[in-house]
Amino acid sequence: MKPKPEPLLTLHDLAARWQVSLKSVRRIASRGELKVHRIGHQIRVSPEDADTYEKLHRS
């Protein structure tokens, strides 16, 4: 039996996780630095893509 995939994250989820504004997360996504999935008018991010972004942009 396959394990359940993690649910997709909202931009609000990422803003809280990264302790930045929603506007900052939207800017990152609009520049193409963060892979997003559009579902209708909603924007979601896979946990794996969020982790990848975090690893690439750690200081």
PDB file of N, CA and C in Angstrom:
ATOM      1  N   MET A   1       0.829  -1.179   0.000  1.00  0.00           N
ATOM      2  CA  MET A   1       0.000   0.000   0.000  1.00  0.00           C
ATOM      3  C   MET A   1       0.884   1.257   0.000  1.00  0.00           C
ATOM      4  N   LYS A   2       0.599   2.205  -0.891  1.00  0.00           N
ATOM      5  CA  LYS A   2       1.380   3.429  -0.985  1.00  0.00           C
ATOM      6  C   LYS A   2       1.048   4.374   0.169  1.00  0.00           C
ATOM      7  N   PRO A   3       2.069   5.081   0.673  1.00  0.00           N
ATOM      8  CA  PRO A   3       1.769   6.084   1.694  1.00  0.00           C
ATOM      9  C   PRO A   3       1.054   7.277   1.052  1.00  0.00           C
ATOM     10  N   LYS A   4       0.200   7.934   1.823  1.00  0.00           N
ATOM     11  CA  LYS A   4      -0.525   9.095   1.309  1.00  0.00           C
ATOM     12  C   LYS A   4       0.451  10.223   1.019  1.00  0.00           C
ATOM     13  N   PRO A   5       0.309  10.880  -0.120  1.00  0.00           N
ATOM     14  CA  PRO A   5       1.190  12.020  -0.389  1.00  0.00           C
ATOM     15  C   PRO A   5       0.831  13.177   0.551  1.00  0.00           C
ATOM     16  N   GLU A   6       1.832  13.995   0.839  1.00  0.00           N
ATOM     17  CA  GLU A   6       1.579  15.158   1.685  1.00  0.00           C
ATOM     18  C   GLU A   6       0.688  16.136   0.928  1.00  0.00           C
ATOM     19  N   PRO A   7      -0.196  16.832   1.636  1.00  0.00           N
ATOM     20  CA  PRO A   7      -1.063  17.797   0.955  1.00  0.00           C
ATOM     21  C   PRO A   7      -0.259  18.990   0.431  1.00  0.00           C
ATOM     22  N   LEU A   8      -0.760  19.590  -0.633  1.00  0.00           N
ATOM     23  CA  LEU A   8      -0.101  20.763  -1.188  1.00  0.00           C
ATOM     24  C   LEU A   8      -0.231  21.932  -0.227  1.00  0.00           C
ATOM     25  N   LEU A   9       0.753  22.813  -0.245  1.00  0.00           N
ATOM     26  CA  LEU A   9       0.783  23.970   0.646  1.00  0.00           C
ATOM     27  C   LEU A   9       0.219  25.201  -0.055  1.00  0.00           C
ATOM     28  N   THR A  10      -0.431  26.045   0.709  1.00  0.00           N
ATOM     29  CA  THR A  10      -0.888  27.328   0.167  1.00  0.00           C
ATOM     30  C   THR A  10       0.236  28.336   0.337  1.00  0.00           C
ATOM     31  N   LEU A  11       0.103  29.476  -0.321  1.00  0.00           N
ATOM     32  CA  LEU A  11       1.091  30.535  -0.153  1.00  0.00           C
ATOM     33  C   LEU A  11       1.044  31.075   1.278  1.00  0.00           C
ATOM     34  N   HIS A  12      -0.145  31.067   1.880  1.00  0.00           N
ATOM     35  CA  HIS A  12      -0.276  31.481   3.287  1.00  0.00           C
ATOM     36  C   HIS A  12       0.514  30.533   4.191  1.00  0.00           C
ATOM     37  N   ASP A  13       0.441  29.232   3.895  1.00  0.00           N
ATOM     38  CA  ASP A  13       1.200  28.241   4.671  1.00  0.00           C
ATOM     39  C   ASP A  13       2.697  28.543   4.609  1.00  0.00           C
ATOM     40  N   LEU A  14       3.180  28.844   3.408  1.00  0.00           N
ATOM     41  CA  LEU A  14       4.608  29.117   3.238  1.00  0.00           C
ATOM     42  C   LEU A  14       5.012  30.416   3.912  1.00  0.00           C
ATOM     43  N   ALA A  15       4.167  31.435   3.835  1.00  0.00           N
ATOM     44  CA  ALA A  15       4.475  32.707   4.486  1.00  0.00           C
ATOM     45  C   ALA A  15       4.634  32.497   5.995  1.00  0.00           C
ATOM     46  N   ALA A  16       3.757  31.695   6.580  1.00  0.00           N
ATOM     47  CA  ALA A  16       3.851  31.404   8.014  1.00  0.00           C
ATOM     48  C   ALA A  16       5.092  30.560   8.310  1.00  0.00           C
ATOM     49  N   ARG A  17       5.352  29.581   7.469  1.00  0.00           N
ATOM     50  CA  ARG A  17       6.500  28.686   7.672  1.00  0.00           C
ATOM     51  C   ARG A  17       7.819  29.440   7.591  1.00  0.00           C
ATOM     52  N   TRP A  18       7.910  30.384   6.657  1.00  0.00           N
ATOM     53  CA  TRP A  18       9.143  31.141   6.446  1.00  0.00           C
ATOM     54  C   TRP A  18       9.169  32.453   7.219  1.00  0.00           C
ATOM     55  N   GLN A  19       8.089  32.772   7.893  1.00  0.00           N
ATOM     56  CA  GLN A  19       7.963  34.001   8.676  1.00  0.00           C
ATOM     57  C   GLN A  19       8.239  35.240   7.826  1.00  0.00           C
ATOM     58  N   VAL A  20       7.578  35.277   6.666  1.00  0.00           N
ATOM     59  CA  VAL A  20       7.647  36.424   5.763  1.00  0.00           C
ATOM     60  C   VAL A  20       6.225  36.791   5.372  1.00  0.00           C
ATOM     61  N   SER A  21       6.083  37.881   4.656  1.00  0.00           N
ATOM     62  CA  SER A  21       4.748  38.302   4.234  1.00  0.00           C
ATOM     63  C   SER A  21       4.264  37.461   3.054  1.00  0.00           C
ATOM     64  N   LEU A  22       2.968  37.447   2.881  1.00  0.00           N
ATOM     65  CA  LEU A  22       2.373  36.765   1.736  1.00  0.00           C
ATOM     66  C   LEU A  22       2.880  37.382   0.439  1.00  0.00           C
ATOM     67  N   LYS A  23       3.043  38.696   0.448  1.00  0.00           N
ATOM     68  CA  LYS A  23       3.541  39.405  -0.735  1.00  0.00           C
ATOM     69  C   LYS A  23       4.933  38.901  -1.133  1.00  0.00           C
ATOM     70  N   SER A  24       5.772  38.629  -0.146  1.00  0.00           N
ATOM     71  CA  SER A  24       7.116  38.112  -0.435  1.00  0.00           C
ATOM     72  C   SER A  24       7.049  36.747  -1.107  1.00  0.00           C
ATOM     73  N   VAL A  25       6.168  35.885  -0.620  1.00  0.00           N
ATOM     74  CA  VAL A  25       6.022  34.550  -1.212  1.00  0.00           C
ATOM     75  C   VAL A  25       5.486  34.675  -2.631  1.00  0.00           C
ATOM     76  N   ARG A  26       4.525  35.556  -2.839  1.00  0.00           N
ATOM     77  CA  ARG A  26       3.997  35.771  -4.195  1.00  0.00           C
ATOM     78  C   ARG A  26       5.095  36.258  -5.141  1.00  0.00           C
ATOM     79  N   ARG A  27       5.954  37.140  -4.657  1.00  0.00           N
ATOM     80  CA  ARG A  27       7.054  37.659  -5.476  1.00  0.00           C
ATOM     81  C   ARG A  27       8.012  36.536  -5.872  1.00  0.00           C
ATOM     82  N   ILE A  28       8.343  35.680  -4.918  1.00  0.00           N
ATOM     83  CA  ILE A  28       9.236  34.546  -5.180  1.00  0.00           C
ATOM     84  C   ILE A  28       8.628  33.642  -6.250  1.00  0.00           C
ATOM     85  N   ALA A  29       7.337  33.377  -6.123  1.00  0.00           N
ATOM     86  CA  ALA A  29       6.653  32.510  -7.092  1.00  0.00           C
ATOM     87  C   ALA A  29       6.574  33.174  -8.464  1.00  0.00           C
ATOM     88  N   SER A  30       6.302  34.473  -8.493  1.00  0.00           N
ATOM     89  CA  SER A  30       6.158  35.154  -9.789  1.00  0.00           C
ATOM     90  C   SER A  30       7.482  35.249 -10.541  1.00  0.00           C
ATOM     91  N   ARG A  31       8.600  35.260  -9.796  1.00  0.00           N
ATOM     92  CA  ARG A  31       9.922  35.280 -10.443  1.00  0.00           C
ATOM     93  C   ARG A  31      10.313  33.900 -10.955  1.00  0.00           C
ATOM     94  N   GLY A  32       9.524  32.876 -10.623  1.00  0.00           N
ATOM     95  CA  GLY A  32       9.819  31.527 -11.088  1.00  0.00           C
ATOM     96  C   GLY A  32      10.814  30.792 -10.216  1.00  0.00           C
ATOM     97  N   GLU A  33      11.138  31.340  -9.051  1.00  0.00           N
ATOM     98  CA  GLU A  33      12.096  30.702  -8.150  1.00  0.00           C
ATOM     99  C   GLU A  33      11.475  29.540  -7.381  1.00  0.00           C
ATOM    100  N   LEU A  34      10.153  29.521  -7.325  1.00  0.00           N
ATOM    101  CA  LEU A  34       9.424  28.492  -6.598  1.00  0.00           C
ATOM    102  C   LEU A  34       8.402  27.884  -7.554  1.00  0.00           C
ATOM    103  N   LYS A  35       8.468  26.576  -7.724  1.00  0.00           N
ATOM    104  CA  LYS A  35       7.534  25.897  -8.622  1.00  0.00           C
ATOM    105  C   LYS A  35       6.147  25.857  -7.980  1.00  0.00           C
ATOM    106  N   VAL A  36       5.150  26.315  -8.715  1.00  0.00           N
ATOM    107  CA  VAL A  36       3.783  26.342  -8.195  1.00  0.00           C
ATOM    108  C   VAL A  36       2.854  25.538  -9.097  1.00  0.00           C
ATOM    109  N   HIS A  37       1.744  25.114  -8.516  1.00  0.00           N
ATOM    110  CA  HIS A  37       0.704  24.398  -9.241  1.00  0.00           C
ATOM    111  C   HIS A  37      -0.548  25.259  -9.182  1.00  0.00           C
ATOM    112  N   ARG A  38      -1.113  25.568 -10.320  1.00  0.00           N
ATOM    113  CA  ARG A  38      -2.346  26.364 -10.355  1.00  0.00           C
ATOM    114  C   ARG A  38      -3.527  25.419 -10.506  1.00  0.00           C
ATOM    115  N   ILE A  39      -4.461  25.555  -9.578  1.00  0.00           N
ATOM    116  CA  ILE A  39      -5.685  24.758  -9.599  1.00  0.00           C
ATOM    117  C   ILE A  39      -6.824  25.762  -9.647  1.00  0.00           C
ATOM    118  N   GLY A  40      -7.313  26.017 -10.840  1.00  0.00           N
ATOM    119  CA  GLY A  40      -8.281  27.096 -11.004  1.00  0.00           C
ATOM    120  C   GLY A  40      -7.582  28.410 -10.690  1.00  0.00           C
ATOM    121  N   HIS A  41      -8.125  29.172  -9.761  1.00  0.00           N
ATOM    122  CA  HIS A  41      -7.506  30.434  -9.361  1.00  0.00           C
ATOM    123  C   HIS A  41      -6.612  30.262  -8.143  1.00  0.00           C
ATOM    124  N   GLN A  42      -6.513  29.055  -7.655  1.00  0.00           N
ATOM    125  CA  GLN A  42      -5.717  28.801  -6.457  1.00  0.00           C
ATOM    126  C   GLN A  42      -4.290  28.432  -6.839  1.00  0.00           C
ATOM    127  N   ILE A  43      -3.353  28.805  -5.989  1.00  0.00           N
ATOM    128  CA  ILE A  43      -1.946  28.479  -6.201  1.00  0.00           C
ATOM    129  C   ILE A  43      -1.508  27.592  -5.044  1.00  0.00           C
ATOM    130  N   ARG A  44      -0.887  26.469  -5.382  1.00  0.00           N
ATOM    131  CA  ARG A  44      -0.409  25.532  -4.375  1.00  0.00           C
ATOM    132  C   ARG A  44       1.038  25.160  -4.682  1.00  0.00           C
ATOM    133  N   VAL A  45       1.745  24.721  -3.641  1.00  0.00           N
ATOM    134  CA  VAL A  45       3.146  24.324  -3.771  1.00  0.00           C
ATOM    135  C   VAL A  45       3.304  22.963  -3.111  1.00  0.00           C
ATOM    136  N   SER A  46       4.005  22.070  -3.783  1.00  0.00           N
ATOM    137  CA  SER A  46       4.238  20.755  -3.178  1.00  0.00           C
ATOM    138  C   SER A  46       5.265  20.911  -2.056  1.00  0.00           C
ATOM    139  N   PRO A  47       5.144  20.112  -1.010  1.00  0.00           N
ATOM    140  CA  PRO A  47       6.122  20.179   0.081  1.00  0.00           C
ATOM    141  C   PRO A  47       7.553  19.938  -0.407  1.00  0.00           C
ATOM    142  N   GLU A  48       7.710  19.074  -1.400  1.00  0.00           N
ATOM    143  CA  GLU A  48       9.037  18.791  -1.942  1.00  0.00           C
ATOM    144  C   GLU A  48       9.635  20.032  -2.604  1.00  0.00           C
ATOM    145  N   ASP A  49       8.807  20.789  -3.354  1.00  0.00           N
ATOM    146  CA  ASP A  49       9.299  22.002  -4.008  1.00  0.00           C
ATOM    147  C   ASP A  49       9.637  23.075  -2.983  1.00  0.00           C
ATOM    148  N   ALA A  50       8.862  23.159  -1.908  1.00  0.00           N
ATOM    149  CA  ALA A  50       9.164  24.109  -0.834  1.00  0.00           C
ATOM    150  C   ALA A  50      10.491  23.742  -0.173  1.00  0.00           C
ATOM    151  N   ASP A  51      10.707  22.454   0.075  1.00  0.00           N
ATOM    152  CA  ASP A  51      11.965  21.998   0.678  1.00  0.00           C
ATOM    153  C   ASP A  51      13.151  22.300  -0.232  1.00  0.00           C
ATOM    154  N   THR A  52      12.976  22.070  -1.530  1.00  0.00           N
ATOM    155  CA  THR A  52      14.043  22.348  -2.494  1.00  0.00           C
ATOM    156  C   THR A  52      14.392  23.823  -2.494  1.00  0.00           C
ATOM    157  N   TYR A  53      13.380  24.692  -2.500  1.00  0.00           N
ATOM    158  CA  TYR A  53      13.625  26.134  -2.464  1.00  0.00           C
ATOM    159  C   TYR A  53      14.396  26.502  -1.199  1.00  0.00           C
ATOM    160  N   GLU A  54      13.975  25.944  -0.069  1.00  0.00           N
ATOM    161  CA  GLU A  54      14.640  26.248   1.208  1.00  0.00           C
ATOM    162  C   GLU A  54      16.111  25.825   1.172  1.00  0.00           C
ATOM    163  N   LYS A  55      16.394  24.662   0.626  1.00  0.00           N
ATOM    164  CA  LYS A  55      17.778  24.176   0.575  1.00  0.00           C
ATOM    165  C   LYS A  55      18.641  25.053  -0.317  1.00  0.00           C
ATOM    166  N   LEU A  56      18.080  25.539  -1.418  1.00  0.00           N
ATOM    167  CA  LEU A  56      18.836  26.369  -2.352  1.00  0.00           C
ATOM    168  C   LEU A  56      19.069  27.788  -1.847  1.00  0.00           C
ATOM    169  N   HIS A  57      18.220  28.254  -0.932  1.00  0.00           N
ATOM    170  CA  HIS A  57      18.292  29.652  -0.499  1.00  0.00           C
ATOM    171  C   HIS A  57      18.607  29.820   0.980  1.00  0.00           C
ATOM    172  N   ARG A  58      19.200  28.828   1.573  1.00  0.00           N
ATOM    173  CA  ARG A  58      19.636  28.964   2.973  1.00  0.00           C
ATOM    174  C   ARG A  58      20.883  29.812   3.023  1.00  0.00           C
ATOM    175  N   SER A  59      20.985  30.618   4.088  1.00  0.00           N
ATOM    176  CA  SER A  59      22.212  31.413   4.236  1.00  0.00           C
ATOM    177  C   SER A  59      23.103  30.850   5.299  1.00  0.00           C
TER     178      SER A  59
END
